Protein backbone atom coordinates (compact mmCIF):
# COMPACT_ATOMS: atom_id res chain seq x y z
CA UNK A 1 145.34 -0.65 15.65
CA UNK A 2 144.27 -1.67 12.14
CA UNK A 3 143.27 -5.25 13.16
CA UNK A 4 141.02 -3.98 15.77
CA UNK A 5 139.46 -1.23 13.97
CA UNK A 6 138.30 -4.19 11.37
CA UNK A 7 137.04 -6.27 14.12
CA UNK A 8 135.04 -3.41 15.47
CA UNK A 9 133.57 -2.38 12.13
CA UNK A 10 132.58 -6.23 11.53
CA UNK A 11 131.05 -6.31 14.86
CA UNK A 12 129.16 -3.04 14.15
CA UNK A 13 128.07 -4.51 10.78
CA UNK A 14 126.92 -7.72 12.25
CA UNK A 15 124.88 -5.78 14.75
CA UNK A 16 123.12 -3.68 12.02
CA UNK A 17 122.56 -6.35 9.43
CA UNK A 18 118.81 -5.55 10.32
CA UNK A 19 117.21 -2.38 11.23
CA UNK A 20 116.04 -3.24 14.72
CA UNK A 21 114.23 -1.26 17.34
CA UNK A 22 116.62 -0.69 20.41
CA UNK A 23 114.42 -3.10 22.60
CA UNK A 24 115.13 -5.88 20.19
CA UNK A 25 119.01 -5.61 20.56
CA UNK A 26 119.13 -7.79 23.53
CA UNK A 27 117.11 -10.71 22.05
CA UNK A 28 118.46 -10.47 18.54
CA UNK A 29 122.21 -9.72 18.98
CA UNK A 30 122.61 -11.30 22.53
CA UNK A 31 125.18 -13.43 20.75
CA UNK A 32 127.60 -10.50 19.90
CA UNK A 33 128.89 -9.68 23.43
CA UNK A 34 129.89 -13.32 24.13
CA UNK A 35 131.64 -13.66 20.84
CA UNK A 36 133.30 -10.26 21.08
CA UNK A 37 134.39 -11.34 24.82
CA UNK A 38 135.65 -14.47 23.66
CA UNK A 39 137.80 -13.02 21.02
CA UNK A 40 139.02 -10.24 23.47
CA UNK A 41 139.71 -12.92 26.00
CA UNK A 42 141.99 -14.97 23.29
CA UNK A 43 144.08 -11.73 22.46
CA UNK A 44 144.55 -10.86 26.17
CA UNK A 45 145.68 -14.32 27.14
CA UNK A 46 148.06 -14.59 24.16
CA UNK A 47 149.70 -11.22 24.95
CA UNK A 48 149.77 -12.05 28.77
CA UNK A 49 151.40 -15.55 27.88
CA UNK A 50 153.82 -13.87 25.26
CA UNK A 51 155.21 -11.77 27.87
CA UNK A 52 155.27 -14.22 30.76
CA UNK A 53 158.20 -16.56 31.58
CA UNK A 54 156.21 -19.19 29.67
CA UNK A 55 156.12 -17.34 26.58
CA UNK A 56 158.63 -19.74 25.05
CA UNK A 57 155.65 -22.36 25.09
CA UNK A 58 154.03 -20.54 22.28
CA UNK A 59 157.06 -21.01 20.03
CA UNK A 60 158.83 -23.93 18.56
CA UNK A 61 162.26 -24.77 20.15
CA UNK A 62 163.97 -26.74 22.91
CA UNK A 63 161.54 -25.58 25.46
CA UNK A 64 160.57 -29.24 26.32
CA UNK A 65 164.06 -30.00 27.39
CA UNK A 66 164.24 -27.20 30.12
CA UNK A 67 162.24 -25.84 33.16
CA UNK A 68 158.90 -27.12 34.15
CA UNK A 69 157.89 -28.36 30.75
CA UNK A 70 161.16 -30.20 30.68
CA UNK A 71 160.34 -31.72 34.10
CA UNK A 72 156.86 -32.63 33.22
CA UNK A 73 157.99 -34.26 29.94
CA UNK A 74 160.23 -36.61 31.91
CA UNK A 75 157.68 -37.84 34.38
CA UNK A 76 154.51 -38.12 32.25
CA UNK A 77 154.35 -41.39 29.97
CA UNK A 78 155.00 -40.31 26.49
CA UNK A 79 155.66 -36.83 27.99
CA UNK A 80 157.72 -35.43 25.24
CA UNK A 81 154.98 -36.39 22.83
CA UNK A 82 151.76 -35.54 24.76
CA UNK A 83 152.69 -32.31 26.61
CA UNK A 84 154.17 -30.36 23.69
CA UNK A 85 151.08 -31.47 21.49
CA UNK A 86 148.65 -30.28 24.30
CA UNK A 87 150.37 -26.93 24.91
CA UNK A 88 150.85 -26.51 21.06
CA UNK A 89 146.89 -27.18 20.58
CA UNK A 90 146.19 -24.85 23.22
CA UNK A 91 148.16 -22.02 21.77
CA UNK A 92 147.14 -22.69 18.26
CA UNK A 93 143.38 -22.47 19.37
CA UNK A 94 143.84 -19.18 21.09
CA UNK A 95 145.33 -18.04 17.86
CA UNK A 96 142.60 -19.29 15.90
CA UNK A 97 139.98 -17.80 17.99
CA UNK A 98 141.80 -14.43 18.00
CA UNK A 99 142.65 -14.27 14.48
CA UNK A 100 139.83 -16.32 12.53
CA UNK A 101 136.73 -16.02 14.57
CA UNK A 102 136.42 -12.16 13.73
CA UNK A 103 136.54 -13.04 9.88
CA UNK A 104 133.42 -15.21 10.18
CA UNK A 105 131.36 -12.80 12.12
CA UNK A 106 129.17 -11.99 8.69
CA UNK A 107 128.43 -15.68 8.70
CA UNK A 108 127.49 -15.68 12.45
CA UNK A 109 125.16 -12.52 11.84
CA UNK A 110 123.23 -14.22 9.07
CA UNK A 111 122.93 -17.70 10.78
CA UNK A 112 121.73 -15.83 14.11
CA UNK A 113 118.96 -13.89 12.10
CA UNK A 114 117.98 -17.32 10.45
CA UNK A 115 117.79 -19.06 13.82
CA UNK A 116 116.31 -16.20 15.56
CA UNK A 117 113.31 -17.27 17.74
CA UNK A 118 114.57 -20.52 18.40
CA UNK A 119 115.19 -21.40 22.13
CA UNK A 120 118.39 -23.33 21.26
CA UNK A 121 119.75 -20.62 19.12
CA UNK A 122 122.83 -20.04 21.44
CA UNK A 123 123.69 -23.82 21.32
CA UNK A 124 123.43 -23.81 17.53
CA UNK A 125 125.79 -20.79 17.12
CA UNK A 126 128.16 -22.42 19.80
CA UNK A 127 128.07 -25.64 17.71
CA UNK A 128 128.55 -23.72 14.46
CA UNK A 129 131.93 -22.16 16.10
CA UNK A 130 133.05 -25.28 17.41
CA UNK A 131 132.85 -26.97 14.13
CA UNK A 132 134.81 -24.10 12.65
CA UNK A 133 137.44 -24.48 15.23
CA UNK A 134 137.68 -28.05 14.99
CA UNK A 135 138.92 -27.85 11.39
CA UNK A 136 141.59 -25.19 12.26
CA UNK A 137 142.68 -27.48 15.14
CA UNK A 138 143.09 -30.39 12.70
CA UNK A 139 145.22 -28.18 10.50
CA UNK A 140 147.28 -27.01 13.25
CA UNK A 141 148.07 -30.46 14.20
CA UNK A 142 149.14 -31.35 10.96
CA UNK A 143 151.23 -28.13 10.86
CA UNK A 144 152.84 -29.11 14.02
CA UNK A 145 153.53 -32.53 12.78
CA UNK A 146 155.22 -31.21 9.52
CA UNK A 147 157.18 -28.50 11.58
CA UNK A 148 158.47 -31.27 13.79
CA UNK A 149 159.49 -33.48 10.79
CA UNK A 150 161.14 -30.34 9.35
CA UNK A 151 163.25 -29.64 12.40
CA UNK A 152 164.17 -33.17 12.65
CA UNK A 153 165.50 -33.16 8.79
CA UNK A 154 167.28 -29.94 9.65
CA UNK A 155 169.16 -31.30 12.68
CA UNK A 156 170.38 -34.28 10.51
CA UNK A 157 171.59 -32.00 7.50
CA UNK A 158 174.60 -29.61 8.39
CA UNK A 159 174.05 -27.51 5.46
CA UNK A 160 170.35 -26.84 6.07
CA UNK A 161 171.10 -26.19 9.80
CA UNK A 162 173.38 -23.61 8.94
CA UNK A 163 171.05 -22.17 6.16
CA UNK A 164 167.62 -22.17 7.84
CA UNK A 165 166.81 -19.24 6.05
CA UNK A 166 166.04 -21.39 2.97
CA UNK A 167 162.88 -22.93 4.69
CA UNK A 168 161.57 -19.45 5.26
CA UNK A 169 162.13 -18.62 1.57
CA UNK A 170 160.42 -21.76 0.73
CA UNK A 171 157.48 -20.97 2.75
CA UNK A 172 157.25 -17.26 1.57
CA UNK A 173 157.46 -18.48 -2.04
CA UNK A 174 154.52 -21.03 -1.50
CA UNK A 175 152.40 -18.55 0.18
CA UNK A 176 153.28 -15.99 -2.47
CA UNK A 177 152.43 -18.33 -5.44
CA UNK A 178 149.16 -19.61 -3.73
CA UNK A 179 147.85 -16.32 -3.77
CA UNK A 180 147.49 -16.51 -7.57
CA UNK A 181 145.95 -20.16 -7.54
CA UNK A 182 142.46 -20.96 -8.65
CA UNK A 183 141.96 -22.98 -5.29
CA UNK A 184 142.74 -19.57 -3.34
CA UNK A 185 140.02 -17.74 -5.16
CA UNK A 186 137.39 -20.55 -5.01
CA UNK A 187 137.67 -20.95 -1.48
CA UNK A 188 137.80 -16.98 -0.92
CA UNK A 189 134.40 -16.59 -2.75
CA UNK A 190 132.84 -19.17 -0.63
CA UNK A 191 134.11 -17.10 2.57
CA UNK A 192 132.92 -13.77 0.87
CA UNK A 193 129.36 -14.98 0.31
CA UNK A 194 128.05 -16.30 3.54
CA UNK A 195 124.46 -16.18 2.88
CA UNK A 196 124.67 -18.41 -0.16
CA UNK A 197 127.04 -20.60 1.87
CA UNK A 198 124.61 -20.86 4.71
CA UNK A 199 121.48 -21.57 2.10
CA UNK A 200 123.52 -24.30 0.60
CA UNK A 201 124.55 -26.29 3.85
CA UNK A 202 121.76 -25.29 6.25
CA UNK A 203 118.35 -26.93 6.21
CA UNK A 204 117.12 -26.77 9.77
CA UNK A 205 116.36 -30.45 10.25
CA UNK A 206 118.67 -32.10 12.68
CA UNK A 207 119.70 -28.86 13.77
CA UNK A 208 122.47 -29.42 16.20
CA UNK A 209 124.30 -31.78 13.78
CA UNK A 210 123.70 -29.45 10.68
CA UNK A 211 125.13 -26.45 12.75
CA UNK A 212 128.32 -28.25 13.69
CA UNK A 213 128.66 -29.44 9.89
CA UNK A 214 128.04 -25.90 8.75
CA UNK A 215 131.05 -24.75 10.96
CA UNK A 216 132.88 -27.75 9.57
CA UNK A 217 132.25 -26.89 5.98
CA UNK A 218 132.91 -23.27 6.57
CA UNK A 219 136.30 -24.23 8.27
CA UNK A 220 137.34 -26.22 5.40
CA UNK A 221 136.91 -23.35 2.77
CA UNK A 222 138.48 -20.97 5.15
CA UNK A 223 141.61 -23.06 5.47
CA UNK A 224 141.58 -23.65 1.89
CA UNK A 225 141.71 -19.87 1.60
CA UNK A 226 144.11 -18.95 4.45
CA UNK A 227 146.36 -21.97 5.11
CA UNK A 228 149.33 -20.40 3.18
CA UNK A 229 149.09 -17.05 5.10
CA UNK A 230 148.52 -18.83 8.24
CA UNK A 231 151.81 -20.91 7.83
CA UNK A 232 153.70 -17.81 7.65
CA UNK A 233 153.40 -17.77 11.35
CA UNK A 234 155.99 -20.49 11.49
CA UNK A 235 158.24 -17.97 9.45
CA UNK A 236 157.78 -14.99 11.84
CA UNK A 237 157.32 -16.88 14.94
CA UNK A 238 154.14 -18.65 16.31
CA UNK A 239 154.69 -16.73 19.53
CA UNK A 240 154.64 -13.22 17.91
CA UNK A 241 151.26 -11.33 18.85
CA UNK A 242 152.36 -8.48 16.64
CA UNK A 243 152.55 -10.65 13.66
CA UNK A 244 149.26 -12.36 14.53
CA UNK A 245 147.59 -8.83 14.51
CA UNK A 246 148.99 -8.13 11.02
CA UNK A 247 148.25 -11.64 9.55
CA UNK A 248 144.88 -11.59 11.23
CA UNK A 249 144.12 -7.99 9.57
CA UNK A 250 145.12 -9.19 6.32
CA UNK A 251 142.69 -12.29 6.27
CA UNK A 252 139.99 -10.24 7.53
CA UNK A 253 140.30 -7.57 4.93
CA UNK A 254 140.70 -10.42 2.02
CA UNK A 255 137.31 -12.01 3.34
CA UNK A 256 135.06 -9.41 4.40
CA UNK A 257 136.15 -5.98 2.97
CA UNK A 258 134.50 -4.94 -0.46
CA UNK A 259 137.82 -4.54 -2.30
CA UNK A 260 139.56 -7.45 -0.28
CA UNK A 261 139.64 -9.90 -2.94
CA UNK A 262 141.74 -7.38 -4.91
CA UNK A 263 144.16 -7.64 -2.19
CA UNK A 264 145.21 -11.26 -2.94
CA UNK A 265 147.51 -10.68 -5.96
CA UNK A 266 149.43 -7.71 -4.53
CA UNK A 267 150.02 -9.80 -1.38
CA UNK A 268 151.31 -12.60 -3.69
CA UNK A 269 153.75 -10.26 -5.31
CA UNK A 270 154.96 -8.92 -2.00
CA UNK A 271 155.45 -12.33 -0.54
CA UNK A 272 157.42 -13.34 -3.45
CA UNK A 273 159.51 -10.26 -3.47
CA UNK A 274 160.44 -10.76 0.12
CA UNK A 275 161.50 -14.25 -0.44
CA UNK A 276 163.59 -12.93 -3.36
CA UNK A 277 165.27 -10.33 -1.17
CA UNK A 278 166.02 -12.94 1.46
CA UNK A 279 167.75 -15.04 -0.89
CA UNK A 280 169.74 -12.05 -2.33
CA UNK A 281 170.89 -10.86 1.36
CA UNK A 282 171.79 -14.35 2.38
CA UNK A 283 173.72 -15.63 -0.81
CA UNK A 284 175.72 -12.32 -1.57
CA UNK A 285 178.64 -13.46 0.54
CA UNK A 286 178.70 -16.74 -1.33
CA UNK A 287 180.14 -14.91 -4.44
CA UNK A 288 182.61 -12.98 -2.26
């Protein structure tokens, strides 16, 4: 599949950033197998979760009112608020690890080289990833809150409840227009130049704090670059592993492939055309 070919290529590129003797591989590239295993485990967990009887917990709907989750929501203090939040954050973090961690492999490879020889290198890499994921988790919580507010608004508006496609059109339109914005390209350029980014944010003093903050800063630019595309998961279904693969591949290409920056504008055109087609298909009967 395209996504996994991209990830394998990025792993290979990360491993070959330096010309190393084979005996040095275990020492210098020891960080690669755990990262690859983490990403693979995230995808495997999502695939099993999607196909299991609990797959509805990955999506947004009335699953907190029925079954095991419904019973737990009624038993736990503030259950209808706490349990969905915990399940959502868990699913969102799995999505982020699966879709976004592969896109930062070049940054991790450069950082691993810069910290080579340090006894705490593994800890520093882990803190960088933790900082990066913390920003995506915060964004996910905000997106979840906005989604809940949107569902509440739809429930109180009969017209929008019957024409929910309008929300999808709006999100597709926003995502399409954002592909042409200056903010998109400023953030994308930061993501595509990991060496200069590390040079700007890493000084080596207070190494653990700086490693975490390096991940935070990179996460902020990554969210700034990819938030609109990531929100498309709410249009196509947050529990769809197939769409996760497709959207993850697009973001990996944009951020890491030589011609990836040139993909942004055609992608924006495609999203705007998709929104226009949905409008036409859903309003054709209005004139009949």
